Amino acid sequence: AVVGTNVDSSPIDNDSYCGGYTLNVGLETTQNWLDDC
């Protein structure tokens, strides 16, 4: 398994746009209902 540990979605961070910025924003929102990791 390759495990993803967090989500970055800052509009001023170019890395947040890899894979789609809007999708990363949504995934950061859903993190509120999940464990910190």
Full PDB file with SEQRES, HELIX, SHEET, SSBOND, CRYST1, ORIGX, SCALE, CONECT and MASTER records, all heavy atoms in Angstrom:
SEQRES   1 A   37  ALA VAL VAL GLY THR ASN VAL ASP SER SER PRO ILE ASP          
SEQRES   2 A   37  ASN ASP SER TYR CYS GLY GLY TYR THR LEU ASN VAL GLY          
SEQRES   3 A   37  LEU GLU THR THR GLN ASN TRP LEU ASP ASP CYS                  
HELIX    1 AA1 ASN A   14  TYR A   17  5                                   4    
HELIX    2 AA2 TYR A   21  THR A   30  1                                  10    
HELIX    3 AA3 GLN A   31  TRP A   33  5                                   3    
CRYST1    1.000    1.000    1.000  90.00  90.00  90.00 P 1           1          
ORIGX1      1.000000  0.000000  0.000000        0.00000                         
ORIGX2      0.000000  1.000000  0.000000        0.00000                         
ORIGX3      0.000000  0.000000  1.000000        0.00000                         
SCALE1      1.000000  0.000000  0.000000        0.00000                         
SCALE2      0.000000  1.000000  0.000000        0.00000                         
SCALE3      0.000000  0.000000  1.000000        0.00000                         
ATOM      1  N   ALA A   1       0.817  -1.215   0.000  1.00  0.00           N  
ATOM      2  CA  ALA A   1       0.000   0.000   0.000  1.00  0.00           C  
ATOM      3  C   ALA A   1       0.848   1.261   0.000  1.00  0.00           C  
ATOM      4  O   ALA A   1       1.837   1.364   0.741  1.00  0.00           O  
ATOM      5  CB  ALA A   1      -0.931   0.015   1.218  1.00  0.00           C  
ATOM      6  N   VAL A   2       0.450   2.216  -0.831  1.00  0.00           N  
ATOM      7  CA  VAL A   2       0.988   3.574  -0.793  1.00  0.00           C  
ATOM      8  C   VAL A   2      -0.074   4.442  -0.133  1.00  0.00           C  
ATOM      9  O   VAL A   2      -1.206   4.529  -0.621  1.00  0.00           O  
ATOM     10  CB  VAL A   2       1.313   4.097  -2.203  1.00  0.00           C  
ATOM     11  CG1 VAL A   2       1.774   5.548  -2.144  1.00  0.00           C  
ATOM     12  CG2 VAL A   2       2.368   3.223  -2.864  1.00  0.00           C  
ATOM     13  N   VAL A   3       0.285   5.071   0.978  1.00  0.00           N  
ATOM     14  CA  VAL A   3      -0.689   5.760   1.830  1.00  0.00           C  
ATOM     15  C   VAL A   3      -0.568   7.270   1.688  1.00  0.00           C  
ATOM     16  O   VAL A   3       0.513   7.839   1.845  1.00  0.00           O  
ATOM     17  CB  VAL A   3      -0.479   5.354   3.305  1.00  0.00           C  
ATOM     18  CG1 VAL A   3      -1.449   6.108   4.213  1.00  0.00           C  
ATOM     19  CG2 VAL A   3      -0.653   3.848   3.469  1.00  0.00           C  
ATOM     20  N   GLY A   4      -1.688   7.915   1.400  1.00  0.00           N  
ATOM     21  CA  GLY A   4      -1.762   9.371   1.369  1.00  0.00           C  
ATOM     22  C   GLY A   4      -2.154   9.898   2.734  1.00  0.00           C  
ATOM     23  O   GLY A   4      -3.106   9.403   3.349  1.00  0.00           O  
ATOM     24  N   THR A   5      -1.432  10.905   3.227  1.00  0.00           N  
ATOM     25  CA  THR A   5      -1.600  11.318   4.623  1.00  0.00           C  
ATOM     26  C   THR A   5      -2.275  12.668   4.830  1.00  0.00           C  
ATOM     27  O   THR A   5      -2.637  13.011   5.952  1.00  0.00           O  
ATOM     28  CB  THR A   5      -0.231  11.374   5.323  1.00  0.00           C  
ATOM     29  OG1 THR A   5       0.588  12.362   4.669  1.00  0.00           O  
ATOM     30  CG2 THR A   5       0.464  10.021   5.267  1.00  0.00           C  
ATOM     31  N   ASN A   6      -2.423  13.451   3.749  1.00  0.00           N  
ATOM     32  CA  ASN A   6      -2.964  14.799   3.958  1.00  0.00           C  
ATOM     33  C   ASN A   6      -3.408  15.364   2.609  1.00  0.00           C  
ATOM     34  O   ASN A   6      -3.210  14.752   1.557  1.00  0.00           O  
ATOM     35  CB  ASN A   6      -1.908  15.705   4.596  1.00  0.00           C  
ATOM     36  CG  ASN A   6      -2.512  16.837   5.402  1.00  0.00           C  
ATOM     37  OD1 ASN A   6      -3.714  17.139   5.278  1.00  0.00           O  
ATOM     38  ND2 ASN A   6      -1.720  17.473   6.236  1.00  0.00           N  
ATOM     39  N   VAL A   7      -4.014  16.556   2.653  1.00  0.00           N  
ATOM     40  CA  VAL A   7      -4.454  17.254   1.450  1.00  0.00           C  
ATOM     41  C   VAL A   7      -4.018  18.706   1.551  1.00  0.00           C  
ATOM     42  O   VAL A   7      -4.220  19.348   2.589  1.00  0.00           O  
ATOM     43  CB  VAL A   7      -5.990  17.205   1.281  1.00  0.00           C  
ATOM     44  CG1 VAL A   7      -6.405  17.884  -0.028  1.00  0.00           C  
ATOM     45  CG2 VAL A   7      -6.506  15.778   1.349  1.00  0.00           C  
ATOM     46  N   ASP A   8      -3.422  19.215   0.487  1.00  0.00           N  
ATOM     47  CA  ASP A   8      -3.094  20.638   0.400  1.00  0.00           C  
ATOM     48  C   ASP A   8      -3.958  21.274  -0.681  1.00  0.00           C  
ATOM     49  O   ASP A   8      -4.064  20.735  -1.793  1.00  0.00           O  
ATOM     50  CB  ASP A   8      -1.619  20.843   0.043  1.00  0.00           C  
ATOM     51  CG  ASP A   8      -0.693  20.622   1.234  1.00  0.00           C  
ATOM     52  OD1 ASP A   8      -1.203  20.628   2.371  1.00  0.00           O  
ATOM     53  OD2 ASP A   8       0.515  20.443   1.024  1.00  0.00           O  
ATOM     54  N   SER A   9      -4.556  22.420  -0.355  1.00  0.00           N  
ATOM     55  CA  SER A   9      -5.385  23.091  -1.362  1.00  0.00           C  
ATOM     56  C   SER A   9      -5.259  24.608  -1.269  1.00  0.00           C  
ATOM     57  O   SER A   9      -6.223  25.333  -1.451  1.00  0.00           O  
ATOM     58  CB  SER A   9      -6.850  22.683  -1.216  1.00  0.00           C  
ATOM     59  OG  SER A   9      -7.376  23.118   0.025  1.00  0.00           O  
ATOM     60  N   SER A  10      -4.057  25.082  -0.989  1.00  0.00           N  
ATOM     61  CA  SER A  10      -3.848  26.522  -0.919  1.00  0.00           C  
ATOM     62  C   SER A  10      -3.803  27.108  -2.330  1.00  0.00           C  
ATOM     63  O   SER A  10      -3.073  26.598  -3.198  1.00  0.00           O  
ATOM     64  CB  SER A  10      -2.536  26.829  -0.195  1.00  0.00           C  
ATOM     65  OG  SER A  10      -2.201  28.191  -0.345  1.00  0.00           O  
ATOM     66  N   PRO A  11      -4.543  28.180  -2.601  1.00  0.00           N  
ATOM     67  CA  PRO A  11      -4.544  28.776  -3.942  1.00  0.00           C  
ATOM     68  C   PRO A  11      -3.203  29.384  -4.329  1.00  0.00           C  
ATOM     69  O   PRO A  11      -2.960  29.642  -5.501  1.00  0.00           O  
ATOM     70  CB  PRO A  11      -5.637  29.837  -3.857  1.00  0.00           C  
ATOM     71  CG  PRO A  11      -5.736  30.172  -2.404  1.00  0.00           C  
ATOM     72  CD  PRO A  11      -5.459  28.884  -1.683  1.00  0.00           C  
ATOM     73  N   ILE A  12      -2.321  29.604  -3.361  1.00  0.00           N  
ATOM     74  CA  ILE A  12      -1.023  30.209  -3.668  1.00  0.00           C  
ATOM     75  C   ILE A  12       0.091  29.155  -3.702  1.00  0.00           C  
ATOM     76  O   ILE A  12       1.261  29.498  -3.829  1.00  0.00           O  
ATOM     77  CB  ILE A  12      -0.667  31.317  -2.654  1.00  0.00           C  
ATOM     78  CG1 ILE A  12      -0.593  30.759  -1.231  1.00  0.00           C  
ATOM     79  CG2 ILE A  12      -1.669  32.463  -2.742  1.00  0.00           C  
ATOM     80  CD1 ILE A  12      -0.092  31.767  -0.212  1.00  0.00           C  
ATOM     81  N   ASP A  13      -0.292  27.879  -3.592  1.00  0.00           N  
ATOM     82  CA  ASP A  13       0.671  26.781  -3.625  1.00  0.00           C  
ATOM     83  C   ASP A  13       0.477  26.007  -4.927  1.00  0.00           C  
ATOM     84  O   ASP A  13      -0.555  25.364  -5.127  1.00  0.00           O  
ATOM     85  CB  ASP A  13       0.456  25.860  -2.417  1.00  0.00           C  
ATOM     86  CG  ASP A  13       1.443  24.704  -2.372  1.00  0.00           C  
ATOM     87  OD1 ASP A  13       2.315  24.635  -3.265  1.00  0.00           O  
ATOM     88  OD2 ASP A  13       1.330  23.875  -1.454  1.00  0.00           O  
ATOM     89  N   ASN A  14       1.451  26.067  -5.816  1.00  0.00           N  
ATOM     90  CA  ASN A  14       1.322  25.389  -7.107  1.00  0.00           C  
ATOM     91  C   ASN A  14       1.078  23.894  -6.971  1.00  0.00           C  
ATOM     92  O   ASN A  14       0.426  23.281  -7.815  1.00  0.00           O  
ATOM     93  CB  ASN A  14       2.576  25.636  -7.953  1.00  0.00           C  
ATOM     94  CG  ASN A  14       2.672  27.054  -8.469  1.00  0.00           C  
ATOM     95  OD1 ASN A  14       1.655  27.739  -8.610  1.00  0.00           O  
ATOM     96  ND2 ASN A  14       3.888  27.510  -8.759  1.00  0.00           N  
ATOM     97  N   ASP A  15       1.607  23.293  -5.899  1.00  0.00           N  
ATOM     98  CA  ASP A  15       1.422  21.858  -5.707  1.00  0.00           C  
ATOM     99  C   ASP A  15      -0.046  21.493  -5.513  1.00  0.00           C  
ATOM    100  O   ASP A  15      -0.449  20.361  -5.779  1.00  0.00           O  
ATOM    101  CB  ASP A  15       2.234  21.378  -4.507  1.00  0.00           C  
ATOM    102  CG  ASP A  15       3.734  21.475  -4.748  1.00  0.00           C  
ATOM    103  OD1 ASP A  15       4.143  21.353  -5.918  1.00  0.00           O  
ATOM    104  OD2 ASP A  15       4.484  21.699  -3.780  1.00  0.00           O  
ATOM    105  N   SER A  16      -0.841  22.434  -5.051  1.00  0.00           N  
ATOM    106  CA  SER A  16      -2.256  22.164  -4.813  1.00  0.00           C  
ATOM    107  C   SER A  16      -3.040  21.989  -6.108  1.00  0.00           C  
ATOM    108  O   SER A  16      -4.180  21.520  -6.089  1.00  0.00           O  
ATOM    109  CB  SER A  16      -2.889  23.301  -4.000  1.00  0.00           C  
ATOM    110  OG  SER A  16      -2.261  23.433  -2.741  1.00  0.00           O  
ATOM    111  N   TYR A  17      -2.442  22.365  -7.221  1.00  0.00           N  
ATOM    112  CA  TYR A  17      -3.137  22.284  -8.502  1.00  0.00           C  
ATOM    113  C   TYR A  17      -2.888  20.959  -9.213  1.00  0.00           C  
ATOM    114  O   TYR A  17      -3.572  20.656 -10.195  1.00  0.00           O  
ATOM    115  CB  TYR A  17      -2.712  23.448  -9.398  1.00  0.00           C  
ATOM    116  CG  TYR A  17      -3.228  24.782  -8.894  1.00  0.00           C  
ATOM    117  CD1 TYR A  17      -2.559  25.473  -7.884  1.00  0.00           C  
ATOM    118  CD2 TYR A  17      -4.402  25.328  -9.395  1.00  0.00           C  
ATOM    119  CE1 TYR A  17      -3.036  26.678  -7.399  1.00  0.00           C  
ATOM    120  CE2 TYR A  17      -4.891  26.542  -8.923  1.00  0.00           C  
ATOM    121  CZ  TYR A  17      -4.202  27.208  -7.922  1.00  0.00           C  
ATOM    122  OH  TYR A  17      -4.682  28.403  -7.439  1.00  0.00           O  
ATOM    123  N   CYS A  18      -1.923  20.179  -8.741  1.00  0.00           N  
ATOM    124  CA  CYS A  18      -1.655  18.888  -9.363  1.00  0.00           C  
ATOM    125  C   CYS A  18      -2.855  17.967  -9.149  1.00  0.00           C  
ATOM    126  O   CYS A  18      -3.300  17.761  -8.018  1.00  0.00           O  
ATOM    127  CB  CYS A  18      -0.395  18.245  -8.762  1.00  0.00           C  
ATOM    128  SG  CYS A  18       0.163  16.786  -9.667  1.00  0.00           S  
ATOM    129  N   GLY A  19      -3.383  17.439 -10.233  1.00  0.00           N  
ATOM    130  CA  GLY A  19      -4.546  16.570 -10.138  1.00  0.00           C  
ATOM    131  C   GLY A  19      -5.868  17.301 -10.129  1.00  0.00           C  
ATOM    132  O   GLY A  19      -6.919  16.656 -10.136  1.00  0.00           O  
ATOM    133  N   GLY A  20      -5.836  18.626 -10.087  1.00  0.00           N  
ATOM    134  CA  GLY A  20      -7.084  19.390 -10.112  1.00  0.00           C  
ATOM    135  C   GLY A  20      -7.325  20.125  -8.810  1.00  0.00           C  
ATOM    136  O   GLY A  20      -7.598  19.500  -7.775  1.00  0.00           O  
ATOM    137  N   TYR A  21      -7.216  21.437  -8.846  1.00  0.00           N  
ATOM    138  CA  TYR A  21      -7.338  22.237  -7.626  1.00  0.00           C  
ATOM    139  C   TYR A  21      -8.718  22.091  -6.979  1.00  0.00           C  
ATOM    140  O   TYR A  21      -8.835  21.933  -5.763  1.00  0.00           O  
ATOM    141  CB  TYR A  21      -7.063  23.712  -7.938  1.00  0.00           C  
ATOM    142  CG  TYR A  21      -7.252  24.626  -6.746  1.00  0.00           C  
ATOM    143  CD1 TYR A  21      -6.353  24.602  -5.687  1.00  0.00           C  
ATOM    144  CD2 TYR A  21      -8.351  25.483  -6.669  1.00  0.00           C  
ATOM    145  CE1 TYR A  21      -6.529  25.408  -4.577  1.00  0.00           C  
ATOM    146  CE2 TYR A  21      -8.533  26.301  -5.555  1.00  0.00           C  
ATOM    147  CZ  TYR A  21      -7.624  26.265  -4.519  1.00  0.00           C  
ATOM    148  OH  TYR A  21      -7.804  27.071  -3.423  1.00  0.00           O  
ATOM    149  N   THR A  22      -9.776  22.131  -7.783  1.00  0.00           N  
ATOM    150  CA  THR A  22     -11.133  22.037  -7.234  1.00  0.00           C  
ATOM    151  C   THR A  22     -11.343  20.735  -6.491  1.00  0.00           C  
ATOM    152  O   THR A  22     -11.953  20.702  -5.408  1.00  0.00           O  
ATOM    153  CB  THR A  22     -12.174  22.179  -8.354  1.00  0.00           C  
ATOM    154  OG1 THR A  22     -11.988  23.429  -9.015  1.00  0.00           O  
ATOM    155  CG2 THR A  22     -13.586  22.122  -7.790  1.00  0.00           C  
ATOM    156  N   LEU A  23     -10.846  19.640  -7.061  1.00  0.00           N  
ATOM    157  CA  LEU A  23     -10.981  18.346  -6.391  1.00  0.00           C  
ATOM    158  C   LEU A  23     -10.230  18.339  -5.069  1.00  0.00           C  
ATOM    159  O   LEU A  23     -10.708  17.780  -4.070  1.00  0.00           O  
ATOM    160  CB  LEU A  23     -10.454  17.233  -7.302  1.00  0.00           C  
ATOM    161  CG  LEU A  23     -11.281  16.940  -8.554  1.00  0.00           C  
ATOM    162  CD1 LEU A  23     -10.574  15.900  -9.415  1.00  0.00           C  
ATOM    163  CD2 LEU A  23     -12.669  16.464  -8.185  1.00  0.00           C  
ATOM    164  N   ASN A  24      -9.058  18.941  -5.037  1.00  0.00           N  
ATOM    165  CA  ASN A  24      -8.295  18.984  -3.789  1.00  0.00           C  
ATOM    166  C   ASN A  24      -8.979  19.830  -2.732  1.00  0.00           C  
ATOM    167  O   ASN A  24      -8.921  19.513  -1.540  1.00  0.00           O  
ATOM    168  CB  ASN A  24      -6.883  19.489  -4.065  1.00  0.00           C  
ATOM    169  CG  ASN A  24      -6.052  18.486  -4.853  1.00  0.00           C  
ATOM    170  OD1 ASN A  24      -6.221  17.278  -4.706  1.00  0.00           O  
ATOM    171  ND2 ASN A  24      -5.163  18.977  -5.701  1.00  0.00           N  
ATOM    172  N   VAL A  25      -9.643  20.910  -3.152  1.00  0.00           N  
ATOM    173  CA  VAL A  25     -10.413  21.715  -2.198  1.00  0.00           C  
ATOM    174  C   VAL A  25     -11.521  20.867  -1.576  1.00  0.00           C  
ATOM    175  O   VAL A  25     -11.743  20.887  -0.358  1.00  0.00           O  
ATOM    176  CB  VAL A  25     -11.009  22.958  -2.889  1.00  0.00           C  
ATOM    177  CG1 VAL A  25     -12.011  23.655  -1.970  1.00  0.00           C  
ATOM    178  CG2 VAL A  25      -9.899  23.926  -3.285  1.00  0.00           C  
ATOM    179  N   GLY A  26     -12.228  20.097  -2.415  1.00  0.00           N  
ATOM    180  CA  GLY A  26     -13.285  19.235  -1.894  1.00  0.00           C  
ATOM    181  C   GLY A  26     -12.761  18.186  -0.943  1.00  0.00           C  
ATOM    182  O   GLY A  26     -13.367  17.914   0.107  1.00  0.00           O  
ATOM    183  N   LEU A  27     -11.611  17.607  -1.279  1.00  0.00           N  
ATOM    184  CA  LEU A  27     -11.034  16.576  -0.422  1.00  0.00           C  
ATOM    185  C   LEU A  27     -10.533  17.150   0.896  1.00  0.00           C  
ATOM    186  O   LEU A  27     -10.592  16.478   1.933  1.00  0.00           O  
ATOM    187  CB  LEU A  27      -9.900  15.860  -1.157  1.00  0.00           C  
ATOM    188  CG  LEU A  27     -10.345  14.934  -2.288  1.00  0.00           C  
ATOM    189  CD1 LEU A  27      -9.164  14.540  -3.167  1.00  0.00           C  
ATOM    190  CD2 LEU A  27     -11.021  13.686  -1.727  1.00  0.00           C  
ATOM    191  N   GLU A  28     -10.056  18.383   0.879  1.00  0.00           N  
ATOM    192  CA  GLU A  28      -9.644  18.993   2.143  1.00  0.00           C  
ATOM    193  C   GLU A  28     -10.850  19.258   3.028  1.00  0.00           C  
ATOM    194  O   GLU A  28     -10.774  19.146   4.256  1.00  0.00           O  
ATOM    195  CB  GLU A  28      -8.867  20.286   1.892  1.00  0.00           C  
ATOM    196  CG  GLU A  28      -8.285  20.870   3.173  1.00  0.00           C  
ATOM    197  CD  GLU A  28      -7.168  21.850   2.922  1.00  0.00           C  
ATOM    198  OE1 GLU A  28      -7.193  22.545   1.895  1.00  0.00           O  
ATOM    199  OE2 GLU A  28      -6.260  21.934   3.787  1.00  0.00           O  
ATOM    200  N   THR A  29     -11.979  19.560   2.408  1.00  0.00           N  
ATOM    201  CA  THR A  29     -13.210  19.764   3.182  1.00  0.00           C  
ATOM    202  C   THR A  29     -13.653  18.474   3.853  1.00  0.00           C  
ATOM    203  O   THR A  29     -14.002  18.464   5.044  1.00  0.00           O  
ATOM    204  CB  THR A  29     -14.325  20.289   2.266  1.00  0.00           C  
ATOM    205  OG1 THR A  29     -13.918  21.523   1.687  1.00  0.00           O  
ATOM    206  CG2 THR A  29     -15.624  20.488   3.045  1.00  0.00           C  
ATOM    207  N   THR A  30     -13.635  17.372   3.114  1.00  0.00           N  
ATOM    208  CA  THR A  30     -14.088  16.105   3.690  1.00  0.00           C  
ATOM    209  C   THR A  30     -13.143  15.579   4.764  1.00  0.00           C  
ATOM    210  O   THR A  30     -13.541  14.735   5.579  1.00  0.00           O  
ATOM    211  CB  THR A  30     -14.258  15.026   2.596  1.00  0.00           C  
ATOM    212  OG1 THR A  30     -13.023  14.865   1.881  1.00  0.00           O  
ATOM    213  CG2 THR A  30     -15.355  15.419   1.615  1.00  0.00           C  
ATOM    214  N   GLN A  31     -11.936  16.094   4.802  1.00  0.00           N  
ATOM    215  CA  GLN A  31     -11.016  15.700   5.868  1.00  0.00           C  
ATOM    216  C   GLN A  31     -11.574  16.029   7.253  1.00  0.00           C  
ATOM    217  O   GLN A  31     -11.189  15.407   8.242  1.00  0.00           O  
ATOM    218  CB  GLN A  31      -9.677  16.413   5.701  1.00  0.00           C  
ATOM    219  CG  GLN A  31      -8.696  15.692   4.802  1.00  0.00           C  
ATOM    220  CD  GLN A  31      -7.292  16.218   4.999  1.00  0.00           C  
ATOM    221  OE1 GLN A  31      -7.044  17.412   4.872  1.00  0.00           O  
ATOM    222  NE2 GLN A  31      -6.359  15.343   5.315  1.00  0.00           N  
ATOM    223  N   ASN A  32     -12.464  17.002   7.330  1.00  0.00           N  
ATOM    224  CA  ASN A  32     -13.030  17.395   8.626  1.00  0.00           C  
ATOM    225  C   ASN A  32     -13.793  16.254   9.283  1.00  0.00           C  
ATOM    226  O   ASN A  32     -14.035  16.289  10.498  1.00  0.00           O  
ATOM    227  CB  ASN A  32     -13.956  18.602   8.452  1.00  0.00           C  
ATOM    228  CG  ASN A  32     -13.210  19.853   8.028  1.00  0.00           C  
ATOM    229  OD1 ASN A  32     -12.097  20.092   8.486  1.00  0.00           O  
ATOM    230  ND2 ASN A  32     -13.796  20.630   7.136  1.00  0.00           N  
ATOM    231  N   TRP A  33     -14.199  15.256   8.511  1.00  0.00           N  
ATOM    232  CA  TRP A  33     -14.956  14.137   9.057  1.00  0.00           C  
ATOM    233  C   TRP A  33     -14.120  12.866   9.132  1.00  0.00           C  
ATOM    234  O   TRP A  33     -14.654  11.787   9.348  1.00  0.00           O  
ATOM    235  CB  TRP A  33     -16.206  13.906   8.209  1.00  0.00           C  
ATOM    236  CG  TRP A  33     -17.267  14.945   8.448  1.00  0.00           C  
ATOM    237  CD1 TRP A  33     -18.321  14.871   9.326  1.00  0.00           C  
ATOM    238  CD2 TRP A  33     -17.359  16.226   7.820  1.00  0.00           C  
ATOM    239  NE1 TRP A  33     -19.050  16.019   9.265  1.00  0.00           N  
ATOM    240  CE2 TRP A  33     -18.502  16.873   8.355  1.00  0.00           C  
ATOM    241  CE3 TRP A  33     -16.605  16.900   6.865  1.00  0.00           C  
ATOM    242  CZ2 TRP A  33     -18.902  18.150   7.956  1.00  0.00           C  
ATOM    243  CZ3 TRP A  33     -16.994  18.168   6.469  1.00  0.00           C  
ATOM    244  CH2 TRP A  33     -18.124  18.781   7.012  1.00  0.00           C  
ATOM    245  N   LEU A  34     -12.821  13.008   8.958  1.00  0.00           N  
ATOM    246  CA  LEU A  34     -11.919  11.863   8.984  1.00  0.00           C  
ATOM    247  C   LEU A  34     -10.833  12.084  10.035  1.00  0.00           C  
ATOM    248  O   LEU A  34     -10.702  13.171  10.592  1.00  0.00           O  
ATOM    249  CB  LEU A  34     -11.275  11.670   7.607  1.00  0.00           C  
ATOM    250  CG  LEU A  34     -12.229  11.398   6.447  1.00  0.00           C  
ATOM    251  CD1 LEU A  34     -11.477  11.461   5.112  1.00  0.00           C  
ATOM    252  CD2 LEU A  34     -12.918  10.045   6.599  1.00  0.00           C  
ATOM    253  N   ASP A  35     -10.028  11.048  10.259  1.00  0.00           N  
ATOM    254  CA  ASP A  35      -8.893  11.183  11.156  1.00  0.00           C  
ATOM    255  C   ASP A  35      -7.927  12.248  10.634  1.00  0.00           C  
ATOM    256  O   ASP A  35      -7.943  12.599   9.452  1.00  0.00           O  
ATOM    257  CB  ASP A  35      -8.137   9.857  11.257  1.00  0.00           C  
ATOM    258  CG  ASP A  35      -8.877   8.837  12.103  1.00  0.00           C  
ATOM    259  OD1 ASP A  35      -9.831   9.219  12.816  1.00  0.00           O  
ATOM    260  OD2 ASP A  35      -8.506   7.644  12.037  1.00  0.00           O  
ATOM    261  N   ASP A  36      -7.069  12.706  11.522  1.00  0.00           N  
ATOM    262  CA  ASP A  36      -6.071  13.700  11.106  1.00  0.00           C  
ATOM    263  C   ASP A  36      -5.214  13.179   9.966  1.00  0.00           C  
ATOM    264  O   ASP A  36      -4.781  13.946   9.102  1.00  0.00           O  
ATOM    265  CB  ASP A  36      -5.185  14.087  12.297  1.00  0.00           C  
ATOM    266  CG  ASP A  36      -5.927  14.898  13.342  1.00  0.00           C  
ATOM    267  OD1 ASP A  36      -6.979  15.469  13.003  1.00  0.00           O  
ATOM    268  OD2 ASP A  36      -5.455  14.963  14.491  1.00  0.00           O  
ATOM    269  N   CYS A  37      -4.941  11.890   9.972  1.00  0.00           N  
ATOM    270  CA  CYS A  37      -4.151  11.284   8.898  1.00  0.00           C  
ATOM    271  C   CYS A  37      -5.116  10.702   7.864  1.00  0.00           C  
ATOM    272  O   CYS A  37      -5.726   9.644   8.079  1.00  0.00           O  
ATOM    273  CB  CYS A  37      -3.245  10.193   9.446  1.00  0.00           C  
ATOM    274  SG  CYS A  37      -2.104   9.490   8.220  1.00  0.00           S  
TER     275      CYS A  37                                                      
MASTER        0    0    0    3    0    0    0    6  274    1    0    3          
END                                                                             
